[in-house]
Protein backbone atom coordinates (compact mmCIF):
# COMPACT_ATOMS: atom_id res chain seq x y z
CA MET A 1 -15.09 42.26 -0.83
CA TYR A 2 -16.12 43.47 2.59
CA LYS A 3 -19.44 44.91 3.66
CA ILE A 4 -19.85 47.12 6.71
CA THR A 5 -23.26 48.01 8.07
CA PHE A 6 -24.04 50.39 10.90
CA SER A 7 -27.04 50.08 13.16
CA ARG A 8 -29.10 53.25 13.48
CA LEU A 9 -27.69 53.81 16.97
CA SER A 10 -24.06 53.28 15.96
CA TYR A 11 -24.42 55.63 12.99
CA LYS A 12 -25.73 58.39 15.26
CA GLN A 13 -22.94 57.74 17.76
CA PHE A 14 -20.35 57.81 14.96
CA LYS A 15 -21.57 61.18 13.65
CA LYS A 16 -21.46 62.74 17.14
CA LEU A 17 -17.83 61.83 17.86
CA PRO A 18 -15.28 64.64 18.21
CA MET A 19 -13.35 65.09 14.95
CA ASN A 20 -10.06 63.59 16.20
CA GLU A 21 -11.85 60.52 17.58
CA TYR A 22 -13.98 60.27 14.43
CA VAL A 23 -10.82 59.92 12.33
CA ARG A 24 -9.31 57.33 14.70
CA VAL A 25 -12.49 55.23 14.70
CA PHE A 26 -12.83 55.53 10.91
CA ASN A 27 -9.25 54.31 10.44
CA ALA A 28 -9.77 51.42 12.87
CA ILE A 29 -12.86 50.29 10.98
CA GLY A 30 -10.81 50.43 7.79
CA LEU A 31 -8.19 48.16 9.38
CA LEU A 32 -10.93 45.67 10.29
CA MET A 33 -11.56 45.25 6.57
CA SER A 34 -7.95 44.47 5.64
CA ASP A 35 -7.06 40.95 4.55
CA SER A 36 -3.84 40.91 6.53
CA PRO A 37 -3.86 39.99 10.23
CA THR A 38 -4.26 43.00 12.50
CA PRO A 39 -2.01 42.44 15.53
CA ASN A 40 -1.97 46.14 16.44
CA LEU A 41 -5.74 46.27 17.04
CA ASP A 42 -7.10 45.54 20.50
CA ILE A 43 -9.92 43.11 19.69
CA ILE A 44 -11.61 40.85 22.23
CA LYS A 45 -14.39 38.34 21.66
CA LEU A 46 -17.25 39.14 24.03
CA THR A 47 -18.58 36.23 26.05
CA ASP A 48 -21.90 37.42 27.46
CA GLN A 49 -23.13 39.59 24.55
CA GLY A 50 -21.65 37.74 21.59
CA GLY A 51 -19.67 39.54 18.93
CA HIS A 52 -16.40 41.41 19.34
CA ARG A 53 -15.10 44.57 20.94
CA LEU A 54 -12.52 46.85 19.34
CA ARG A 55 -10.79 49.39 21.58
CA VAL A 56 -9.86 52.72 20.01
CA GLY A 57 -8.52 55.04 22.69
CA ASP A 58 -11.33 55.72 25.16
CA TYR A 59 -13.98 54.47 22.72
CA ARG A 60 -15.30 50.96 22.15
CA ILE A 61 -16.70 49.58 18.91
CA LEU A 62 -19.02 46.61 19.43
CA TYR A 63 -19.53 44.54 16.29
CA THR A 64 -20.38 41.11 14.93
CA LYS A 65 -18.92 39.24 11.99
CA LYS A 66 -20.87 37.25 9.40
CA ASN A 67 -20.00 35.23 6.30
CA LYS A 68 -16.54 34.21 7.53
CA GLY A 69 -15.66 37.77 8.51
CA ARG A 70 -16.64 39.34 5.19
CA GLU A 71 -19.65 41.18 6.69
CA ILE A 72 -19.20 43.37 9.73
CA ASP A 73 -22.24 44.73 11.56
CA ILE A 74 -21.33 47.61 13.85
CA GLU A 75 -23.76 47.71 16.73
CA SER A 76 -22.37 50.46 18.96
CA ILE A 77 -19.62 53.08 19.13
CA ALA A 78 -19.46 54.54 22.61
CA HIS A 79 -17.16 55.93 25.25
CA ARG A 80 -15.80 53.18 27.48
CA LYS A 81 -17.92 54.26 30.46
CA ASP A 82 -21.11 53.83 28.39
CA ALA A 83 -20.16 50.96 26.07
CA TYR A 84 -21.30 47.95 28.05
């Protein structure tokens, strides 16, 4: 079983997304929770901040994994110009 938690900031950012981007980000988060490998997702491990980055169009989802990938803490969902 997977557990996803949003920080207060990421939850606000998620709610403010345009509807088409909201759906894309929601689906990408759902794919993060799948047990099968996800080769079609653009995920990079961040070196200076720790955690991972998932690219969804022009938006970036910054998150960390815990408990062998069973817990995902989403820290930020932002446009690429504001993400880092």
